[in-house]
Amino acid sequence: MYKYVLQLIVGIFTLVVSTFIAWYEGSAITYKSLEWGYSTPFTNMLNTEITNGRDISQLDYFVYAAKFQPLFPAFMMVSVFYILSVVSYYLVKYKPKWAIGFLGLIGCIMILLSGFIFNSPTIGGRIFFWITLVSGLISIAFTVFVCLRNFKYIVSVNIN
């Protein structure tokens, strides 16, 4: 149990540090008024008119950082996937039926997210497309593996 907790602590620490760095890098949008119309989906969703940089939502900092400085937002995405993988590995060992649903849900969400950012014109968008697509496919593959392993166990128990 301690090895799972230690891995979760490392994953959460990496997530927190990379989140703060990405947030700082994304704050550069407040000075780039030409990007306000293209990189502020959360502010636009709130129907807020941007007259100066202080009107921009904090979540839009992450969008800007992901589009133009994708290193730490990519670390964020990978660390979230790592945390979810540790949780799913724990579930596979102790609750395989829950693991099937959990891994399947993660895989579907990741593939759906990759569909939203498909064909992005920025390098950060392309990086996030591949991260989410590969993560989703890995989750789906592990879901199938756990299903087959669980089915094999059920069949062998029923035969004996």
C-alpha atoms as a PDB file:
ATOM      1  CA  MET A   1       0.000   0.000   0.000  1.00  0.00           C
ATOM      2  CA  TYR A   2       2.881   2.376   0.772  1.00  0.00           C
ATOM      3  CA  LYS A   3       4.274   2.106  -2.735  1.00  0.00           C
ATOM      4  CA  TYR A   4       0.952   3.315  -4.156  1.00  0.00           C
ATOM      5  CA  VAL A   5       0.789   6.224  -1.727  1.00  0.00           C
ATOM      6  CA  LEU A   6       4.389   7.201  -2.499  1.00  0.00           C
ATOM      7  CA  GLN A   7       3.683   7.129  -6.240  1.00  0.00           C
ATOM      8  CA  LEU A   8       0.542   9.199  -5.738  1.00  0.00           C
ATOM      9  CA  ILE A   9       2.503  11.752  -3.701  1.00  0.00           C
ATOM     10  CA  VAL A  10       5.152  12.035  -6.438  1.00  0.00           C
ATOM     11  CA  GLY A  11       2.453  12.370  -9.112  1.00  0.00           C
ATOM     12  CA  ILE A  12       0.531  15.003  -7.168  1.00  0.00           C
ATOM     13  CA  PHE A  13       3.725  16.940  -6.408  1.00  0.00           C
ATOM     14  CA  THR A  14       4.638  16.932 -10.111  1.00  0.00           C
ATOM     15  CA  LEU A  15       1.117  18.053 -10.977  1.00  0.00           C
ATOM     16  CA  VAL A  16       1.160  20.929  -8.493  1.00  0.00           C
ATOM     17  CA  VAL A  17       4.591  22.213  -9.509  1.00  0.00           C
ATOM     18  CA  SER A  18       3.862  21.985 -13.238  1.00  0.00           C
ATOM     19  CA  THR A  19       0.471  23.660 -12.685  1.00  0.00           C
ATOM     20  CA  PHE A  20       2.043  26.677 -11.005  1.00  0.00           C
ATOM     21  CA  ILE A  21       4.709  26.983 -13.695  1.00  0.00           C
ATOM     22  CA  ALA A  22       2.145  26.652 -16.515  1.00  0.00           C
ATOM     23  CA  TRP A  23      -0.081  29.207 -14.799  1.00  0.00           C
ATOM     24  CA  TYR A  24       2.837  31.623 -14.609  1.00  0.00           C
ATOM     25  CA  GLU A  25       3.790  31.047 -18.258  1.00  0.00           C
ATOM     26  CA  GLY A  26       0.188  31.505 -19.354  1.00  0.00           C
ATOM     27  CA  SER A  27      -0.111  34.831 -17.574  1.00  0.00           C
ATOM     28  CA  ALA A  28       1.764  36.333 -20.525  1.00  0.00           C
ATOM     29  CA  ILE A  29      -1.583  36.498 -22.324  1.00  0.00           C
ATOM     30  CA  THR A  30      -2.458  39.587 -20.308  1.00  0.00           C
ATOM     31  CA  TYR A  31       0.124  41.525 -22.356  1.00  0.00           C
ATOM     32  CA  LYS A  32      -0.712  40.041 -25.774  1.00  0.00           C
ATOM     33  CA  SER A  33      -3.976  41.641 -26.802  1.00  0.00           C
ATOM     34  CA  LEU A  34      -3.903  40.041 -30.253  1.00  0.00           C
ATOM     35  CA  GLU A  35      -4.469  36.629 -28.634  1.00  0.00           C
ATOM     36  CA  TRP A  36      -7.418  37.682 -26.504  1.00  0.00           C
ATOM     37  CA  GLY A  37      -9.922  36.712 -29.173  1.00  0.00           C
ATOM     38  CA  TYR A  38      -8.370  33.298 -29.864  1.00  0.00           C
ATOM     39  CA  SER A  39      -6.991  32.030 -26.569  1.00  0.00           C
ATOM     40  CA  THR A  40      -9.681  32.986 -24.055  1.00  0.00           C
ATOM     41  CA  PRO A  41     -12.482  30.409 -24.347  1.00  0.00           C
ATOM     42  CA  PHE A  42     -13.388  30.517 -20.636  1.00  0.00           C
ATOM     43  CA  THR A  43     -13.663  34.292 -20.565  1.00  0.00           C
ATOM     44  CA  ASN A  44     -15.777  34.199 -23.722  1.00  0.00           C
ATOM     45  CA  MET A  45     -17.960  31.472 -22.203  1.00  0.00           C
ATOM     46  CA  LEU A  46     -18.700  33.794 -19.296  1.00  0.00           C
ATOM     47  CA  ASN A  47     -19.674  36.548 -21.786  1.00  0.00           C
ATOM     48  CA  THR A  48     -17.108  38.908 -20.316  1.00  0.00           C
ATOM     49  CA  GLU A  49     -15.773  41.652 -22.540  1.00  0.00           C
ATOM     50  CA  ILE A  50     -12.005  41.962 -22.304  1.00  0.00           C
ATOM     51  CA  THR A  51     -10.915  45.561 -22.013  1.00  0.00           C
ATOM     52  CA  ASN A  52      -7.612  44.905 -20.265  1.00  0.00           C
ATOM     53  CA  GLY A  53      -5.575  41.910 -19.145  1.00  0.00           C
ATOM     54  CA  ARG A  54      -7.209  41.747 -15.714  1.00  0.00           C
ATOM     55  CA  ASP A  55     -10.537  40.751 -17.301  1.00  0.00           C
ATOM     56  CA  ILE A  56      -9.128  37.419 -18.506  1.00  0.00           C
ATOM     57  CA  SER A  57     -10.111  34.288 -16.579  1.00  0.00           C
ATOM     58  CA  GLN A  58      -7.310  32.442 -14.784  1.00  0.00           C
ATOM     59  CA  LEU A  59      -8.237  29.253 -16.656  1.00  0.00           C
ATOM     60  CA  ASP A  60      -7.405  30.972 -19.936  1.00  0.00           C
ATOM     61  CA  TYR A  61      -3.808  31.235 -18.729  1.00  0.00           C
ATOM     62  CA  PHE A  62      -3.587  27.451 -19.057  1.00  0.00           C
ATOM     63  CA  VAL A  63      -5.089  27.554 -22.555  1.00  0.00           C
ATOM     64  CA  TYR A  64      -2.514  30.107 -23.651  1.00  0.00           C
ATOM     65  CA  ALA A  65       0.322  28.156 -22.038  1.00  0.00           C
ATOM     66  CA  ALA A  66      -0.858  24.926 -23.670  1.00  0.00           C
ATOM     67  CA  LYS A  67      -0.993  26.573 -27.085  1.00  0.00           C
ATOM     68  CA  PHE A  68       2.320  28.405 -27.080  1.00  0.00           C
ATOM     69  CA  GLN A  69       4.491  26.997 -24.264  1.00  0.00           C
ATOM     70  CA  PRO A  70       3.313  23.381 -23.977  1.00  0.00           C
ATOM     71  CA  LEU A  71       6.091  21.819 -21.870  1.00  0.00           C
ATOM     72  CA  PHE A  72       4.592  22.269 -18.403  1.00  0.00           C
ATOM     73  CA  PRO A  73       0.966  21.825 -19.475  1.00  0.00           C
ATOM     74  CA  ALA A  74       2.115  18.544 -21.036  1.00  0.00           C
ATOM     75  CA  PHE A  75       3.733  17.629 -17.699  1.00  0.00           C
ATOM     76  CA  MET A  76       0.384  18.395 -16.088  1.00  0.00           C
ATOM     77  CA  MET A  77      -1.448  16.071 -18.475  1.00  0.00           C
ATOM     78  CA  VAL A  78       1.093  13.281 -18.110  1.00  0.00           C
ATOM     79  CA  SER A  79       1.099  13.543 -14.311  1.00  0.00           C
ATOM     80  CA  VAL A  80      -2.722  13.387 -14.220  1.00  0.00           C
ATOM     81  CA  PHE A  81      -2.598  10.301 -16.421  1.00  0.00           C
ATOM     82  CA  TYR A  82       0.101   8.832 -14.151  1.00  0.00           C
ATOM     83  CA  ILE A  83      -2.025   9.424 -11.039  1.00  0.00           C
ATOM     84  CA  LEU A  84      -5.011   7.800 -12.734  1.00  0.00           C
ATOM     85  CA  SER A  85      -2.813   4.888 -13.821  1.00  0.00           C
ATOM     86  CA  VAL A  86      -1.636   4.267 -10.259  1.00  0.00           C
ATOM     87  CA  VAL A  87      -5.229   4.299  -9.053  1.00  0.00           C
ATOM     88  CA  SER A  88      -6.286   1.945 -11.850  1.00  0.00           C
ATOM     89  CA  TYR A  89      -3.387  -0.425 -11.122  1.00  0.00           C
ATOM     90  CA  TYR A  90      -4.535  -0.569  -7.514  1.00  0.00           C
ATOM     91  CA  LEU A  91      -8.080  -1.270  -8.694  1.00  0.00           C
ATOM     92  CA  VAL A  92      -6.875  -4.016 -11.060  1.00  0.00           C
ATOM     93  CA  LYS A  93      -5.197  -5.795  -8.161  1.00  0.00           C
ATOM     94  CA  TYR A  94      -8.045  -5.512  -5.667  1.00  0.00           C
ATOM     95  CA  LYS A  95     -11.277  -4.655  -7.549  1.00  0.00           C
ATOM     96  CA  PRO A  96     -10.970  -5.804 -11.190  1.00  0.00           C
ATOM     97  CA  LYS A  97     -14.591  -5.061 -12.092  1.00  0.00           C
ATOM     98  CA  TRP A  98     -14.224  -1.468 -10.934  1.00  0.00           C
ATOM     99  CA  ALA A  99     -10.961  -1.219 -12.853  1.00  0.00           C
ATOM    100  CA  ILE A 100     -12.716  -2.148 -16.094  1.00  0.00           C
ATOM    101  CA  GLY A 101     -15.188   0.703 -15.719  1.00  0.00           C
ATOM    102  CA  PHE A 102     -12.568   3.160 -14.478  1.00  0.00           C
ATOM    103  CA  LEU A 103     -10.075   2.438 -17.259  1.00  0.00           C
ATOM    104  CA  GLY A 104     -12.818   2.422 -19.887  1.00  0.00           C
ATOM    105  CA  LEU A 105     -14.085   5.800 -18.689  1.00  0.00           C
ATOM    106  CA  ILE A 106     -10.583   7.287 -18.710  1.00  0.00           C
ATOM    107  CA  GLY A 107      -9.967   5.933 -22.208  1.00  0.00           C
ATOM    108  CA  CYS A 108     -13.242   7.305 -23.571  1.00  0.00           C
ATOM    109  CA  ILE A 109     -12.679  10.731 -22.007  1.00  0.00           C
ATOM    110  CA  MET A 110      -9.133  10.940 -23.361  1.00  0.00           C
ATOM    111  CA  ILE A 111     -10.146   9.910 -26.881  1.00  0.00           C
ATOM    112  CA  LEU A 112     -13.081  12.342 -26.791  1.00  0.00           C
ATOM    113  CA  LEU A 113     -10.750  15.117 -25.626  1.00  0.00           C
ATOM    114  CA  SER A 114      -8.313  14.330 -28.423  1.00  0.00           C
ATOM    115  CA  GLY A 115     -11.184  14.671 -30.885  1.00  0.00           C
ATOM    116  CA  PHE A 116     -11.862  18.205 -29.635  1.00  0.00           C
ATOM    117  CA  ILE A 117      -8.286  19.332 -30.244  1.00  0.00           C
ATOM    118  CA  PHE A 118      -7.768  17.417 -33.472  1.00  0.00           C
ATOM    119  CA  ASN A 119      -6.351  19.514 -36.304  1.00  0.00           C
ATOM    120  CA  SER A 120      -5.065  22.304 -34.074  1.00  0.00           C
ATOM    121  CA  PRO A 121      -2.867  24.873 -35.843  1.00  0.00           C
ATOM    122  CA  THR A 122      -0.486  25.352 -32.884  1.00  0.00           C
ATOM    123  CA  ILE A 123       2.338  23.060 -31.810  1.00  0.00           C
ATOM    124  CA  GLY A 124       0.880  22.829 -28.314  1.00  0.00           C
ATOM    125  CA  GLY A 125      -2.457  21.653 -29.716  1.00  0.00           C
ATOM    126  CA  ARG A 126      -0.754  18.925 -31.722  1.00  0.00           C
ATOM    127  CA  ILE A 127       1.243  17.809 -28.685  1.00  0.00           C
ATOM    128  CA  PHE A 128      -1.920  17.617 -26.585  1.00  0.00           C
ATOM    129  CA  PHE A 129      -3.730  15.747 -29.347  1.00  0.00           C
ATOM    130  CA  TRP A 130      -1.090  13.029 -29.351  1.00  0.00           C
ATOM    131  CA  ILE A 131      -0.831  12.865 -25.546  1.00  0.00           C
ATOM    132  CA  THR A 132      -4.585  12.444 -25.137  1.00  0.00           C
ATOM    133  CA  LEU A 133      -4.934  10.034 -28.054  1.00  0.00           C
ATOM    134  CA  VAL A 134      -2.110   7.762 -26.909  1.00  0.00           C
ATOM    135  CA  SER A 135      -3.289   7.903 -23.284  1.00  0.00           C
ATOM    136  CA  GLY A 136      -6.810   6.997 -24.342  1.00  0.00           C
ATOM    137  CA  LEU A 137      -5.639   4.111 -26.498  1.00  0.00           C
ATOM    138  CA  ILE A 138      -3.437   2.788 -23.692  1.00  0.00           C
ATOM    139  CA  SER A 139      -6.390   2.948 -21.284  1.00  0.00           C
ATOM    140  CA  ILE A 140      -8.667   1.147 -23.741  1.00  0.00           C
ATOM    141  CA  ALA A 141      -5.988  -1.518 -24.342  1.00  0.00           C
ATOM    142  CA  PHE A 142      -5.611  -2.120 -20.597  1.00  0.00           C
ATOM    143  CA  THR A 143      -9.396  -2.257 -20.260  1.00  0.00           C
ATOM    144  CA  VAL A 144      -9.543  -5.011 -22.869  1.00  0.00           C
ATOM    145  CA  PHE A 145      -6.634  -6.804 -21.183  1.00  0.00           C
ATOM    146  CA  VAL A 146      -8.316  -6.696 -17.761  1.00  0.00           C
ATOM    147  CA  CYS A 147     -11.631  -7.827 -19.302  1.00  0.00           C
ATOM    148  CA  LEU A 148      -9.967 -10.789 -21.002  1.00  0.00           C
ATOM    149  CA  ARG A 149      -8.024 -11.703 -17.878  1.00  0.00           C
ATOM    150  CA  ASN A 150     -11.152 -11.456 -15.747  1.00  0.00           C
ATOM    151  CA  PHE A 151     -13.133 -13.519 -18.281  1.00  0.00           C
ATOM    152  CA  LYS A 152     -10.379 -16.163 -18.380  1.00  0.00           C
ATOM    153  CA  TYR A 153     -10.472 -16.369 -14.575  1.00  0.00           C
ATOM    154  CA  ILE A 154     -14.275 -16.734 -14.556  1.00  0.00           C
ATOM    155  CA  VAL A 155     -14.176 -19.472 -17.205  1.00  0.00           C
ATOM    156  CA  SER A 156     -11.443 -21.397 -15.386  1.00  0.00           C
ATOM    157  CA  VAL A 157     -13.381 -21.198 -12.103  1.00  0.00           C
ATOM    158  CA  ASN A 158     -16.597 -22.400 -13.772  1.00  0.00           C
ATOM    159  CA  ILE A 159     -14.844 -25.364 -15.430  1.00  0.00           C
ATOM    160  CA  ASN A 160     -13.381 -26.601 -12.145  1.00  0.00           C
END
